[in-house]
Amino acid sequence: MEPNALGYLAAGLGAALTVIGAGLGIGKLAAAAMEASGRQPEVAGQVRTSMLIAAALIEGATFFALAICIILATKS
């Protein structure tokens, strides 16, 4: 097997694991936010704001990891 092929495989697996982890993280975040909003509806706006900020941070880290995977895949 060529070294480039192993690089493509590693980049693909890294991207897959990154997306799975981000999906699970955002899912848990949203579930906790919905539960908090259900328990105390008067703070739902604050919880929503905090949830959106945390989701943006998770997505930022995900995009960074995906960019690294793409760079490694296209490296000659």
Protein backbone atom coordinates (compact mmCIF):
# COMPACT_ATOMS: atom_id res chain seq x y z
CA MET A 1 0.00 0.00 0.00
CA GLU A 2 1.27 3.47 -0.86
CA PRO A 3 2.13 5.94 1.89
CA ASN A 4 -0.30 8.45 0.35
CA ALA A 5 -3.12 5.93 0.60
CA LEU A 6 -2.46 5.48 4.31
CA GLY A 7 -2.49 9.26 4.73
CA TYR A 8 -5.88 9.47 3.02
CA LEU A 9 -7.20 6.67 5.21
CA ALA A 10 -5.94 8.32 8.39
CA ALA A 11 -7.40 11.69 7.37
CA GLY A 12 -10.76 10.09 6.60
CA LEU A 13 -10.86 8.26 9.91
CA GLY A 14 -9.81 11.39 11.77
CA ALA A 15 -12.54 13.43 10.09
CA ALA A 16 -15.14 10.77 10.84
CA LEU A 17 -14.20 10.60 14.51
CA THR A 18 -14.22 14.39 14.73
CA VAL A 19 -17.71 14.70 13.30
CA ILE A 20 -19.06 11.87 15.47
CA GLY A 21 -17.60 13.46 18.59
CA ALA A 22 -18.99 16.88 17.73
CA GLY A 23 -22.43 15.43 17.03
CA LEU A 24 -22.49 13.63 20.35
CA GLY A 25 -21.26 16.72 22.20
CA ILE A 26 -23.82 19.06 20.67
CA GLY A 27 -26.55 16.47 21.24
CA LYS A 28 -25.73 16.22 24.94
CA LEU A 29 -25.51 20.00 25.16
CA ALA A 30 -28.94 20.48 23.59
CA ALA A 31 -30.50 17.79 25.77
CA ALA A 32 -29.16 19.43 28.92
CA ALA A 33 -30.34 22.86 27.76
CA MET A 34 -33.84 21.58 27.01
CA GLU A 35 -34.02 19.89 30.40
CA ALA A 36 -32.87 23.07 32.14
CA SER A 37 -35.43 25.13 30.21
CA GLY A 38 -38.16 22.68 31.17
CA ARG A 39 -37.24 22.81 34.84
CA GLN A 40 -36.91 26.60 35.02
CA PRO A 41 -38.71 28.31 32.12
CA GLU A 42 -37.88 31.78 33.42
CA VAL A 43 -34.18 31.35 32.60
CA ALA A 44 -34.73 29.74 29.19
CA GLY A 45 -33.28 32.77 27.35
CA GLN A 46 -30.05 32.67 29.33
CA VAL A 47 -29.76 28.91 28.89
CA ARG A 48 -30.32 29.24 25.14
CA THR A 49 -27.63 31.90 24.86
CA SER A 50 -25.15 29.78 26.80
CA MET A 51 -26.04 26.75 24.68
CA LEU A 52 -25.44 28.63 21.43
CA ILE A 53 -22.06 29.90 22.63
CA ALA A 54 -21.00 26.41 23.71
CA ALA A 55 -22.22 24.89 20.43
CA ALA A 56 -20.23 27.48 18.48
CA LEU A 57 -17.09 26.58 20.45
CA ILE A 58 -17.64 22.88 19.75
CA GLU A 59 -18.15 23.57 16.04
CA GLY A 60 -15.04 25.76 15.96
CA ALA A 61 -12.92 22.96 17.38
CA THR A 62 -14.53 20.55 14.91
CA PHE A 63 -13.74 22.76 11.92
CA PHE A 64 -10.15 23.11 13.12
CA ALA A 65 -9.78 19.32 13.36
CA LEU A 66 -11.36 18.85 9.93
CA ALA A 67 -8.99 21.43 8.45
CA ILE A 68 -6.03 19.55 9.91
CA CYS A 69 -7.34 16.29 8.41
CA ILE A 70 -7.71 17.91 4.99
CA ILE A 71 -4.23 19.42 5.18
CA LEU A 72 -2.75 16.04 6.11
CA ALA A 73 -4.65 14.31 3.31
CA THR A 74 -3.43 16.72 0.65
CA LYS A 75 0.16 16.88 1.90
CA SER A 76 2.54 15.35 -0.62
